[in-house]
Amino acid sequence: MHVLVLGAAAGGGYPQWNCNCSLCLGYRTGSITASSRTQSSIAISSDGERWLLCNASPDIRSQLAANPELHPRRIPRDSGISGVVLMDAQIDHVTGLLSLREGCPFDVWCTPNVHQDLSSGFPLFPMLAHWGGLNWQAIDIDKGRQETSFEIPACPGLLITAVALTSNAPPYSPRRGSPTPGDNIGLLIEDRARQTRLFYAPGLGQLDDRVRGFLRQADCVLVDGTVWHDDELSRAGVGTSTGTDMGHLALSGPGGLLEELSALPQATRRVLIHINNTNPILNEHSPERASLDAAGIEVAFDGMRLEI
């Protein structure tokens, strides 16, 4: 299984265009060691030719340009992207579909909740119908079903299991603040030939034993690293929302994601993605980053390539 990290940052990217927090200022002035990151998205492939886009960020054009595997190569109008799967309906995960309109129709896999939000509150499906449309392929996660497995023709040999996660619905959803199964999913992707597994979950608001079971199955976990502290935005002076409010489990503290990752089998590769611009792990010489290095936990970056 081939994995391309197209973007590793949370919404707004890093540095965020209107943010003057110490990390964004430090990057701009060169006073810290850090790398810029675009908004989170990955692409997966079983053959290195046909790619499944997992989320379509607003930065998709620059992400495609930076990854030759996704360039047109065979016919005058072409792309390495053979389909799209959406983890949720958040604006930083779906807006890139507008930039892909010249390539419509696209097959898009998402849950009924996500399809509803993208047909009403943020009506991407109706809008893109004018360019050939998005062909909805339903991922059957709802109140009565917490996980479902399926295959995608463009990725032969990969079995994908969608897993309902507890996070939050977007602001334009009627379920904002009261999410239900299907508002946010993770993916357990199994390469049947290699018998290896990736668990991808850029939005993790809570963990329970069911989700822990999927984490333990994976050879590599590529998971939510949004904030170090739950009250990080307040500490940085840039907002009042907590990680919990936004649907993201903080890395530090009792019950934090670092504690959970440390409990995984030693051989599991652990990589953080969806890093907010306020997260001190972006500073490569910070104490927080040093603690990750000591624990063998990696921080994803744009252009990172994984073979699983």
C-alpha atoms as a PDB file:
ATOM      1  CA  MET A   1       0.000   0.000   0.000  1.00  0.00           C
ATOM      2  CA  HIS A   2       1.345   3.402  -1.018  1.00  0.00           C
ATOM      3  CA  VAL A   3       0.383   6.481   1.017  1.00  0.00           C
ATOM      4  CA  LEU A   4       1.091  10.101   0.063  1.00  0.00           C
ATOM      5  CA  VAL A   5       0.620  12.801   2.703  1.00  0.00           C
ATOM      6  CA  LEU A   6      -0.602  15.704   0.578  1.00  0.00           C
ATOM      7  CA  GLY A   7      -1.243  18.027   3.513  1.00  0.00           C
ATOM      8  CA  ALA A   8      -0.545  17.601   7.238  1.00  0.00           C
ATOM      9  CA  ALA A   9      -2.046  20.713   8.856  1.00  0.00           C
ATOM     10  CA  ALA A  10      -5.447  21.394  10.364  1.00  0.00           C
ATOM     11  CA  GLY A  11      -7.872  23.965   8.923  1.00  0.00           C
ATOM     12  CA  GLY A  12      -6.103  27.171   7.941  1.00  0.00           C
ATOM     13  CA  GLY A  13      -2.770  25.437   7.328  1.00  0.00           C
ATOM     14  CA  TYR A  14       0.541  26.455   8.860  1.00  0.00           C
ATOM     15  CA  PRO A  15       1.298  29.274   9.132  1.00  0.00           C
ATOM     16  CA  GLN A  16      -2.324  30.387   9.094  1.00  0.00           C
ATOM     17  CA  TRP A  17      -2.802  33.450   6.903  1.00  0.00           C
ATOM     18  CA  ASN A  18      -4.335  35.645   9.649  1.00  0.00           C
ATOM     19  CA  CYS A  19      -2.564  34.252  12.701  1.00  0.00           C
ATOM     20  CA  ASN A  20       0.175  35.998  14.658  1.00  0.00           C
ATOM     21  CA  CYS A  21       0.561  33.402  17.397  1.00  0.00           C
ATOM     22  CA  SER A  22       4.102  32.652  18.499  1.00  0.00           C
ATOM     23  CA  LEU A  23       4.386  29.654  16.163  1.00  0.00           C
ATOM     24  CA  CYS A  24       3.120  31.428  13.053  1.00  0.00           C
ATOM     25  CA  LEU A  25       5.220  34.514  13.842  1.00  0.00           C
ATOM     26  CA  GLY A  26       8.210  32.308  14.589  1.00  0.00           C
ATOM     27  CA  TYR A  27       7.940  30.612  11.209  1.00  0.00           C
ATOM     28  CA  ARG A  28       7.620  33.915   9.332  1.00  0.00           C
ATOM     29  CA  THR A  29      10.582  35.507  11.105  1.00  0.00           C
ATOM     30  CA  GLY A  30      12.728  32.373  11.026  1.00  0.00           C
ATOM     31  CA  SER A  31      13.137  32.402  14.798  1.00  0.00           C
ATOM     32  CA  ILE A  32      12.003  28.770  15.115  1.00  0.00           C
ATOM     33  CA  THR A  33      12.776  25.647  13.093  1.00  0.00           C
ATOM     34  CA  ALA A  34       9.530  24.611  11.444  1.00  0.00           C
ATOM     35  CA  SER A  35       8.092  23.599   8.075  1.00  0.00           C
ATOM     36  CA  SER A  36       4.983  25.010   6.446  1.00  0.00           C
ATOM     37  CA  ARG A  37       2.080  22.622   5.962  1.00  0.00           C
ATOM     38  CA  THR A  38      -1.084  22.684   3.853  1.00  0.00           C
ATOM     39  CA  GLN A  39      -4.496  21.480   5.014  1.00  0.00           C
ATOM     40  CA  SER A  40      -4.793  17.773   5.645  1.00  0.00           C
ATOM     41  CA  SER A  41      -5.361  15.189   2.948  1.00  0.00           C
ATOM     42  CA  ILE A  42      -3.771  11.912   1.914  1.00  0.00           C
ATOM     43  CA  ALA A  43      -3.869   9.701  -1.173  1.00  0.00           C
ATOM     44  CA  ILE A  44      -3.616   5.911  -1.145  1.00  0.00           C
ATOM     45  CA  SER A  45      -2.893   3.415  -3.910  1.00  0.00           C
ATOM     46  CA  SER A  46      -2.343  -0.306  -4.322  1.00  0.00           C
ATOM     47  CA  ASP A  47      -0.415  -0.014  -7.606  1.00  0.00           C
ATOM     48  CA  GLY A  48       1.228   3.437  -7.513  1.00  0.00           C
ATOM     49  CA  GLU A  49      -0.779   4.496 -10.592  1.00  0.00           C
ATOM     50  CA  ARG A  50      -4.392   4.940  -9.501  1.00  0.00           C
ATOM     51  CA  TRP A  51      -4.954   6.955  -6.345  1.00  0.00           C
ATOM     52  CA  LEU A  52      -7.831   7.369  -3.922  1.00  0.00           C
ATOM     53  CA  LEU A  53      -7.974  10.879  -2.477  1.00  0.00           C
ATOM     54  CA  CYS A  54      -8.904  10.872   1.214  1.00  0.00           C
ATOM     55  CA  ASN A  55     -10.417  14.308   1.802  1.00  0.00           C
ATOM     56  CA  ALA A  56     -10.072  17.185  -0.661  1.00  0.00           C
ATOM     57  CA  SER A  57      -8.560  20.209   1.052  1.00  0.00           C
ATOM     58  CA  PRO A  58      -8.768  23.814  -0.175  1.00  0.00           C
ATOM     59  CA  ASP A  59      -5.048  23.463  -1.005  1.00  0.00           C
ATOM     60  CA  ILE A  60      -5.613  20.613  -3.456  1.00  0.00           C
ATOM     61  CA  ARG A  61      -4.185  22.413  -6.503  1.00  0.00           C
ATOM     62  CA  SER A  62      -0.775  22.995  -4.926  1.00  0.00           C
ATOM     63  CA  GLN A  63      -0.837  19.512  -3.408  1.00  0.00           C
ATOM     64  CA  LEU A  64      -1.421  17.901  -6.806  1.00  0.00           C
ATOM     65  CA  ALA A  65       1.347  20.007  -8.338  1.00  0.00           C
ATOM     66  CA  ALA A  66       3.780  18.875  -5.632  1.00  0.00           C
ATOM     67  CA  ASN A  67       3.177  15.147  -6.180  1.00  0.00           C
ATOM     68  CA  PRO A  68       4.140  13.838  -9.657  1.00  0.00           C
ATOM     69  CA  GLU A  69       2.274  10.584  -9.013  1.00  0.00           C
ATOM     70  CA  LEU A  70      -0.974  12.542  -9.348  1.00  0.00           C
ATOM     71  CA  HIS A  71      -0.081  14.448 -12.534  1.00  0.00           C
ATOM     72  CA  PRO A  72      -1.838  13.754 -15.866  1.00  0.00           C
ATOM     73  CA  ARG A  73       0.318  11.300 -17.843  1.00  0.00           C
ATOM     74  CA  ARG A  74      -1.692   9.100 -20.194  1.00  0.00           C
ATOM     75  CA  ILE A  75      -4.106  11.223 -22.238  1.00  0.00           C
ATOM     76  CA  PRO A  76      -4.519  14.990 -22.787  1.00  0.00           C
ATOM     77  CA  ARG A  77      -7.068  15.322 -19.949  1.00  0.00           C
ATOM     78  CA  ASP A  78      -6.077  13.018 -17.116  1.00  0.00           C
ATOM     79  CA  SER A  79      -5.296  12.681 -13.417  1.00  0.00           C
ATOM     80  CA  GLY A  80      -3.851  10.138 -11.051  1.00  0.00           C
ATOM     81  CA  ILE A  81      -6.952  10.611  -8.874  1.00  0.00           C
ATOM     82  CA  SER A  82      -9.476   7.833  -9.490  1.00  0.00           C
ATOM     83  CA  GLY A  83     -11.917   8.590  -6.673  1.00  0.00           C
ATOM     84  CA  VAL A  84     -12.467  10.478  -3.432  1.00  0.00           C
ATOM     85  CA  VAL A  85     -13.467   9.339   0.050  1.00  0.00           C
ATOM     86  CA  LEU A  86     -14.526  11.894   2.663  1.00  0.00           C
ATOM     87  CA  MET A  87     -13.957  11.479   6.405  1.00  0.00           C
ATOM     88  CA  ASP A  88     -16.472  14.204   7.244  1.00  0.00           C
ATOM     89  CA  ALA A  89     -18.131  17.312   5.779  1.00  0.00           C
ATOM     90  CA  GLN A  90     -15.764  19.876   7.328  1.00  0.00           C
ATOM     91  CA  ILE A  91     -14.909  22.762   5.036  1.00  0.00           C
ATOM     92  CA  ASP A  92     -11.153  22.093   5.199  1.00  0.00           C
ATOM     93  CA  HIS A  93     -11.768  18.521   3.996  1.00  0.00           C
ATOM     94  CA  VAL A  94     -14.214  19.068   1.139  1.00  0.00           C
ATOM     95  CA  THR A  95     -13.687  22.488  -0.460  1.00  0.00           C
ATOM     96  CA  GLY A  96     -11.011  21.117  -2.788  1.00  0.00           C
ATOM     97  CA  LEU A  97     -13.758  19.339  -4.713  1.00  0.00           C
ATOM     98  CA  LEU A  98     -14.641  22.742  -6.202  1.00  0.00           C
ATOM     99  CA  SER A  99     -11.113  23.007  -7.613  1.00  0.00           C
ATOM    100  CA  LEU A 100     -11.485  19.554  -9.163  1.00  0.00           C
ATOM    101  CA  ARG A 101     -14.655  20.502 -11.058  1.00  0.00           C
ATOM    102  CA  GLU A 102     -12.953  20.191 -14.481  1.00  0.00           C
ATOM    103  CA  GLY A 103     -12.482  16.484 -13.738  1.00  0.00           C
ATOM    104  CA  CYS A 104     -16.124  15.760 -12.905  1.00  0.00           C
ATOM    105  CA  PRO A 105     -17.845  13.381 -12.700  1.00  0.00           C
ATOM    106  CA  PHE A 106     -15.996  11.947  -9.704  1.00  0.00           C
ATOM    107  CA  ASP A 107     -17.012   8.975  -7.606  1.00  0.00           C
ATOM    108  CA  VAL A 108     -17.212  10.193  -4.007  1.00  0.00           C
ATOM    109  CA  TRP A 109     -17.587   7.801  -1.075  1.00  0.00           C
ATOM    110  CA  CYS A 110     -19.131   9.309   2.064  1.00  0.00           C
ATOM    111  CA  THR A 111     -21.737   8.586   4.713  1.00  0.00           C
ATOM    112  CA  PRO A 112     -25.415   9.645   4.467  1.00  0.00           C
ATOM    113  CA  ASN A 113     -24.770  12.343   7.106  1.00  0.00           C
ATOM    114  CA  VAL A 114     -21.934  13.847   5.063  1.00  0.00           C
ATOM    115  CA  HIS A 115     -23.955  13.630   1.859  1.00  0.00           C
ATOM    116  CA  GLN A 116     -26.838  15.432   3.568  1.00  0.00           C
ATOM    117  CA  ASP A 117     -24.587  18.272   4.797  1.00  0.00           C
ATOM    118  CA  LEU A 118     -22.977  18.603   1.355  1.00  0.00           C
ATOM    119  CA  SER A 119     -26.380  18.712  -0.307  1.00  0.00           C
ATOM    120  CA  SER A 120     -27.934  21.341   1.972  1.00  0.00           C
ATOM    121  CA  GLY A 121     -25.872  23.356   4.492  1.00  0.00           C
ATOM    122  CA  PHE A 122     -22.849  23.447   2.173  1.00  0.00           C
ATOM    123  CA  PRO A 123     -24.360  22.225  -1.123  1.00  0.00           C
ATOM    124  CA  LEU A 124     -21.321  20.938  -3.028  1.00  0.00           C
ATOM    125  CA  PHE A 125     -23.206  18.072  -4.632  1.00  0.00           C
ATOM    126  CA  PRO A 126     -25.871  20.342  -6.232  1.00  0.00           C
ATOM    127  CA  MET A 127     -23.282  22.972  -7.229  1.00  0.00           C
ATOM    128  CA  LEU A 128     -20.970  20.495  -8.949  1.00  0.00           C
ATOM    129  CA  ALA A 129     -23.861  18.960 -10.871  1.00  0.00           C
ATOM    130  CA  HIS A 130     -23.326  21.844 -13.320  1.00  0.00           C
ATOM    131  CA  TRP A 131     -19.881  20.395 -14.211  1.00  0.00           C
ATOM    132  CA  GLY A 132     -20.895  16.755 -14.538  1.00  0.00           C
ATOM    133  CA  GLY A 133     -21.465  16.044 -10.890  1.00  0.00           C
ATOM    134  CA  LEU A 134     -20.275  13.870  -8.055  1.00  0.00           C
ATOM    135  CA  ASN A 135     -21.408  10.267  -8.097  1.00  0.00           C
ATOM    136  CA  TRP A 136     -22.300   9.469  -4.503  1.00  0.00           C
ATOM    137  CA  GLN A 137     -21.148   6.062  -3.293  1.00  0.00           C
ATOM    138  CA  ALA A 138     -22.725   5.502   0.104  1.00  0.00           C
ATOM    139  CA  ILE A 139     -20.669   4.415   3.110  1.00  0.00           C
ATOM    140  CA  ASP A 140     -23.327   2.752   5.246  1.00  0.00           C
ATOM    141  CA  ILE A 141     -22.602   4.224   8.661  1.00  0.00           C
ATOM    142  CA  ASP A 142     -25.577   5.475  10.679  1.00  0.00           C
ATOM    143  CA  LYS A 143     -27.201   5.168  14.105  1.00  0.00           C
ATOM    144  CA  GLY A 144     -27.643   1.451  13.603  1.00  0.00           C
ATOM    145  CA  ARG A 145     -24.255   0.661  12.112  1.00  0.00           C
ATOM    146  CA  GLN A 146     -20.858   1.623  13.539  1.00  0.00           C
ATOM    147  CA  GLU A 147     -18.606   0.154  10.846  1.00  0.00           C
ATOM    148  CA  THR A 148     -18.812  -1.239   7.333  1.00  0.00           C
ATOM    149  CA  SER A 149     -16.320  -2.737   4.872  1.00  0.00           C
ATOM    150  CA  PHE A 150     -16.124  -2.121   1.140  1.00  0.00           C
ATOM    151  CA  GLU A 151     -13.761  -2.148  -1.834  1.00  0.00           C
ATOM    152  CA  ILE A 152     -13.014   0.544  -4.392  1.00  0.00           C
ATOM    153  CA  PRO A 153     -12.296  -0.540  -7.998  1.00  0.00           C
ATOM    154  CA  ALA A 154      -9.385   1.875  -8.379  1.00  0.00           C
ATOM    155  CA  CYS A 155      -7.577   0.231  -5.447  1.00  0.00           C
ATOM    156  CA  PRO A 156      -7.624  -3.511  -6.177  1.00  0.00           C
ATOM    157  CA  GLY A 157      -6.426  -5.629  -3.279  1.00  0.00           C
ATOM    158  CA  LEU A 158      -7.333  -3.060  -0.609  1.00  0.00           C
ATOM    159  CA  LEU A 159     -10.179  -3.749   1.814  1.00  0.00           C
ATOM    160  CA  ILE A 160     -11.488  -0.576   3.452  1.00  0.00           C
ATOM    161  CA  THR A 161     -13.402  -0.602   6.731  1.00  0.00           C
ATOM    162  CA  ALA A 162     -15.081   2.672   7.674  1.00  0.00           C
ATOM    163  CA  VAL A 163     -15.319   3.203  11.430  1.00  0.00           C
ATOM    164  CA  ALA A 164     -17.697   5.661  13.107  1.00  0.00           C
ATOM    165  CA  LEU A 165     -15.776   8.093  15.321  1.00  0.00           C
ATOM    166  CA  THR A 166     -16.941  10.551  17.946  1.00  0.00           C
ATOM    167  CA  SER A 167     -15.994  14.050  16.800  1.00  0.00           C
ATOM    168  CA  ASN A 168     -18.221  16.965  15.762  1.00  0.00           C
ATOM    169  CA  ALA A 169     -20.303  17.924  12.764  1.00  0.00           C
ATOM    170  CA  PRO A 170     -19.471  21.147  10.844  1.00  0.00           C
ATOM    171  CA  PRO A 171     -21.078  24.493  11.755  1.00  0.00           C
ATOM    172  CA  TYR A 172     -23.503  24.257   8.798  1.00  0.00           C
ATOM    173  CA  SER A 173     -24.809  20.853   9.930  1.00  0.00           C
ATOM    174  CA  PRO A 174     -28.064  20.470  11.904  1.00  0.00           C
ATOM    175  CA  ARG A 175     -26.121  18.022  14.099  1.00  0.00           C
ATOM    176  CA  ARG A 176     -23.464  20.560  15.182  1.00  0.00           C
ATOM    177  CA  GLY A 177     -22.910  20.020  18.889  1.00  0.00           C
ATOM    178  CA  SER A 178     -24.920  16.783  18.830  1.00  0.00           C
ATOM    179  CA  PRO A 179     -23.103  14.554  16.329  1.00  0.00           C
ATOM    180  CA  THR A 180     -24.392  11.123  15.376  1.00  0.00           C
ATOM    181  CA  PRO A 181     -22.617   8.112  13.821  1.00  0.00           C
ATOM    182  CA  GLY A 182     -21.590   9.031  10.286  1.00  0.00           C
ATOM    183  CA  ASP A 183     -20.586  12.640  10.928  1.00  0.00           C
ATOM    184  CA  ASN A 184     -16.956  11.565  11.193  1.00  0.00           C
ATOM    185  CA  ILE A 185     -15.228   8.325  10.263  1.00  0.00           C
ATOM    186  CA  GLY A 186     -11.827   6.710  10.319  1.00  0.00           C
ATOM    187  CA  LEU A 187     -10.576   4.144   7.832  1.00  0.00           C
ATOM    188  CA  LEU A 188      -8.862   0.827   8.469  1.00  0.00           C
ATOM    189  CA  ILE A 189      -7.254  -0.018   5.122  1.00  0.00           C
ATOM    190  CA  GLU A 190      -5.928  -3.538   4.643  1.00  0.00           C
ATOM    191  CA  ASP A 191      -3.504  -4.565   1.907  1.00  0.00           C
ATOM    192  CA  ARG A 192      -4.610  -8.139   1.387  1.00  0.00           C
ATOM    193  CA  ALA A 193      -1.471  -9.193  -0.502  1.00  0.00           C
ATOM    194  CA  ARG A 194       0.939  -7.864   2.138  1.00  0.00           C
ATOM    195  CA  GLN A 195      -1.465  -8.425   5.033  1.00  0.00           C
ATOM    196  CA  THR A 196      -0.672  -4.972   6.379  1.00  0.00           C
ATOM    197  CA  ARG A 197      -3.065  -2.361   7.738  1.00  0.00           C
ATOM    198  CA  LEU A 198      -3.255   1.432   8.020  1.00  0.00           C
ATOM    199  CA  PHE A 199      -5.664   3.213  10.370  1.00  0.00           C
ATOM    200  CA  TYR A 200      -6.343   6.778   9.219  1.00  0.00           C
ATOM    201  CA  ALA A 201      -8.293   9.120  11.500  1.00  0.00           C
ATOM    202  CA  PRO A 202      -7.602  12.878  11.236  1.00  0.00           C
ATOM    203  CA  GLY A 203     -10.532  13.643  13.548  1.00  0.00           C
ATOM    204  CA  LEU A 204     -10.669  11.833  16.906  1.00  0.00           C
ATOM    205  CA  GLY A 205     -12.762  13.447  19.608  1.00  0.00           C
ATOM    206  CA  GLN A 206     -13.002  10.468  21.953  1.00  0.00           C
ATOM    207  CA  LEU A 207     -11.698   6.934  22.181  1.00  0.00           C
ATOM    208  CA  ASP A 208     -13.568   3.856  23.352  1.00  0.00           C
ATOM    209  CA  ASP A 209     -12.679   0.185  23.371  1.00  0.00           C
ATOM    210  CA  ARG A 210     -14.226  -0.326  19.930  1.00  0.00           C
ATOM    211  CA  VAL A 211     -11.941   2.280  18.330  1.00  0.00           C
ATOM    212  CA  ARG A 212      -8.955   1.109  20.390  1.00  0.00           C
ATOM    213  CA  GLY A 213      -9.462  -2.297  18.807  1.00  0.00           C
ATOM    214  CA  PHE A 214      -9.044  -0.829  15.333  1.00  0.00           C
ATOM    215  CA  LEU A 215      -5.938   1.071  16.420  1.00  0.00           C
ATOM    216  CA  ARG A 216      -4.397  -2.142  17.736  1.00  0.00           C
ATOM    217  CA  GLN A 217      -5.022  -3.947  14.434  1.00  0.00           C
ATOM    218  CA  ALA A 218      -2.955  -1.468  12.424  1.00  0.00           C
ATOM    219  CA  ASP A 219       0.693  -1.689  11.438  1.00  0.00           C
ATOM    220  CA  CYS A 220       0.629   2.100  11.037  1.00  0.00           C
ATOM    221  CA  VAL A 221      -1.714   4.655  12.596  1.00  0.00           C
ATOM    222  CA  LEU A 222      -2.013   8.085  10.966  1.00  0.00           C
ATOM    223  CA  VAL A 223      -4.133   9.962  13.463  1.00  0.00           C
ATOM    224  CA  ASP A 224      -5.328  13.242  14.918  1.00  0.00           C
ATOM    225  CA  GLY A 225      -2.572  15.487  16.272  1.00  0.00           C
ATOM    226  CA  THR A 226      -4.572  18.726  16.209  1.00  0.00           C
ATOM    227  CA  VAL A 227      -3.773  20.203  19.627  1.00  0.00           C
ATOM    228  CA  TRP A 228      -1.292  19.504  22.398  1.00  0.00           C
ATOM    229  CA  HIS A 229      -3.448  21.112  25.130  1.00  0.00           C
ATOM    230  CA  ASP A 230      -7.245  21.030  25.154  1.00  0.00           C
ATOM    231  CA  ASP A 231      -7.285  24.797  25.900  1.00  0.00           C
ATOM    232  CA  GLU A 232      -4.491  25.541  23.436  1.00  0.00           C
ATOM    233  CA  LEU A 233      -6.280  28.263  21.446  1.00  0.00           C
ATOM    234  CA  SER A 234      -6.936  30.190  24.642  1.00  0.00           C
ATOM    235  CA  ARG A 235      -3.312  29.802  25.744  1.00  0.00           C
ATOM    236  CA  ALA A 236      -2.175  31.149  22.377  1.00  0.00           C
ATOM    237  CA  GLY A 237      -4.603  34.078  22.593  1.00  0.00           C
ATOM    238  CA  VAL A 238      -6.322  33.234  19.314  1.00  0.00           C
ATOM    239  CA  GLY A 239      -9.687  31.801  20.373  1.00  0.00           C
ATOM    240  CA  THR A 240     -11.847  30.261  23.046  1.00  0.00           C
ATOM    241  CA  SER A 241     -12.820  26.918  21.510  1.00  0.00           C
ATOM    242  CA  THR A 242     -11.271  23.872  23.117  1.00  0.00           C
ATOM    243  CA  GLY A 243     -10.059  20.793  21.330  1.00  0.00           C
ATOM    244  CA  THR A 244     -13.111  19.023  22.731  1.00  0.00           C
ATOM    245  CA  ASP A 245     -15.399  21.704  21.263  1.00  0.00           C
ATOM    246  CA  MET A 246     -13.826  21.170  17.848  1.00  0.00           C
ATOM    247  CA  GLY A 247     -14.024  17.384  18.089  1.00  0.00           C
ATOM    248  CA  HIS A 248     -10.320  16.684  18.654  1.00  0.00           C
ATOM    249  CA  LEU A 249      -8.769  14.806  21.561  1.00  0.00           C
ATOM    250  CA  ALA A 250      -5.732  16.660  22.950  1.00  0.00           C
ATOM    251  CA  LEU A 251      -2.381  14.905  22.790  1.00  0.00           C
ATOM    252  CA  SER A 252      -1.241  15.647  26.349  1.00  0.00           C
ATOM    253  CA  GLY A 253      -2.701  15.025  29.776  1.00  0.00           C
ATOM    254  CA  PRO A 254      -4.428  12.063  31.422  1.00  0.00           C
ATOM    255  CA  GLY A 255      -6.492  10.195  28.840  1.00  0.00           C
ATOM    256  CA  GLY A 256      -4.833  12.163  26.023  1.00  0.00           C
ATOM    257  CA  LEU A 257      -3.941  10.651  22.685  1.00  0.00           C
ATOM    258  CA  LEU A 258      -0.254  10.250  23.573  1.00  0.00           C
ATOM    259  CA  GLU A 259      -1.234   7.992  26.420  1.00  0.00           C
ATOM    260  CA  GLU A 260      -3.338   5.926  24.031  1.00  0.00           C
ATOM    261  CA  LEU A 261      -0.608   5.713  21.408  1.00  0.00           C
ATOM    262  CA  SER A 262       1.922   4.609  24.003  1.00  0.00           C
ATOM    263  CA  ALA A 263      -0.313   1.624  24.791  1.00  0.00           C
ATOM    264  CA  LEU A 264      -0.153   0.295  21.225  1.00  0.00           C
ATOM    265  CA  PRO A 265       2.149  -2.605  20.306  1.00  0.00           C
ATOM    266  CA  GLN A 266       5.761  -1.490  20.085  1.00  0.00           C
ATOM    267  CA  ALA A 267       6.008  -2.383  16.391  1.00  0.00           C
ATOM    268  CA  THR A 268       3.129  -0.047  15.435  1.00  0.00           C
ATOM    269  CA  ARG A 269       4.268   2.978  13.430  1.00  0.00           C
ATOM    270  CA  ARG A 270       2.610   6.060  14.941  1.00  0.00           C
ATOM    271  CA  VAL A 271       2.243   9.262  12.900  1.00  0.00           C
ATOM    272  CA  LEU A 272       0.334  12.452  13.784  1.00  0.00           C
ATOM    273  CA  ILE A 273      -1.547  14.440  11.130  1.00  0.00           C
ATOM    274  CA  HIS A 274      -4.004  17.392  11.089  1.00  0.00           C
ATOM    275  CA  ILE A 275      -1.679  19.591  13.179  1.00  0.00           C
ATOM    276  CA  ASN A 276      -3.135  22.937  14.244  1.00  0.00           C
ATOM    277  CA  ASN A 277      -1.049  26.090  13.795  1.00  0.00           C
ATOM    278  CA  THR A 278      -1.011  26.569  17.590  1.00  0.00           C
ATOM    279  CA  ASN A 279       0.447  23.134  18.382  1.00  0.00           C
ATOM    280  CA  PRO A 280       3.984  23.438  19.831  1.00  0.00           C
ATOM    281  CA  ILE A 281       5.094  20.205  18.098  1.00  0.00           C
ATOM    282  CA  LEU A 282       5.428  22.283  14.917  1.00  0.00           C
ATOM    283  CA  ASN A 283       8.553  23.807  16.475  1.00  0.00           C
ATOM    284  CA  GLU A 284      11.085  21.063  15.836  1.00  0.00           C
ATOM    285  CA  HIS A 285      13.192  22.116  18.833  1.00  0.00           C
ATOM    286  CA  SER A 286      10.339  22.397  21.345  1.00  0.00           C
ATOM    287  CA  PRO A 287      10.164  20.214  24.487  1.00  0.00           C
ATOM    288  CA  GLU A 288       6.888  18.802  23.177  1.00  0.00           C
ATOM    289  CA  ARG A 289       8.510  17.697  19.923  1.00  0.00           C
ATOM    290  CA  ALA A 290      11.397  16.170  21.867  1.00  0.00           C
ATOM    291  CA  SER A 291       8.941  14.113  23.907  1.00  0.00           C
ATOM    292  CA  LEU A 292       7.414  12.758  20.689  1.00  0.00           C
ATOM    293  CA  ASP A 293      10.857  11.893  19.335  1.00  0.00           C
ATOM    294  CA  ALA A 294      11.686  10.049  22.540  1.00  0.00           C
ATOM    295  CA  ALA A 295       8.449   8.078  22.277  1.00  0.00           C
ATOM    296  CA  GLY A 296       9.032   7.211  18.618  1.00  0.00           C
ATOM    297  CA  ILE A 297       5.979   9.165  17.430  1.00  0.00           C
ATOM    298  CA  GLU A 298       6.341  10.943  14.092  1.00  0.00           C
ATOM    299  CA  VAL A 299       4.813  14.214  12.886  1.00  0.00           C
ATOM    300  CA  ALA A 300       3.498  14.092   9.329  1.00  0.00           C
ATOM    301  CA  PHE A 301       4.675  16.654   6.799  1.00  0.00           C
ATOM    302  CA  ASP A 302       3.602  17.571   3.285  1.00  0.00           C
ATOM    303  CA  GLY A 303       5.198  15.169   0.821  1.00  0.00           C
ATOM    304  CA  MET A 304       5.704  12.377   3.345  1.00  0.00           C
ATOM    305  CA  ARG A 305       5.535   8.940   1.713  1.00  0.00           C
ATOM    306  CA  LEU A 306       4.637   5.741   3.527  1.00  0.00           C
ATOM    307  CA  GLU A 307       4.901   2.147   2.304  1.00  0.00           C
ATOM    308  CA  ILE A 308       2.730  -0.128   4.406  1.00  0.00           C
END
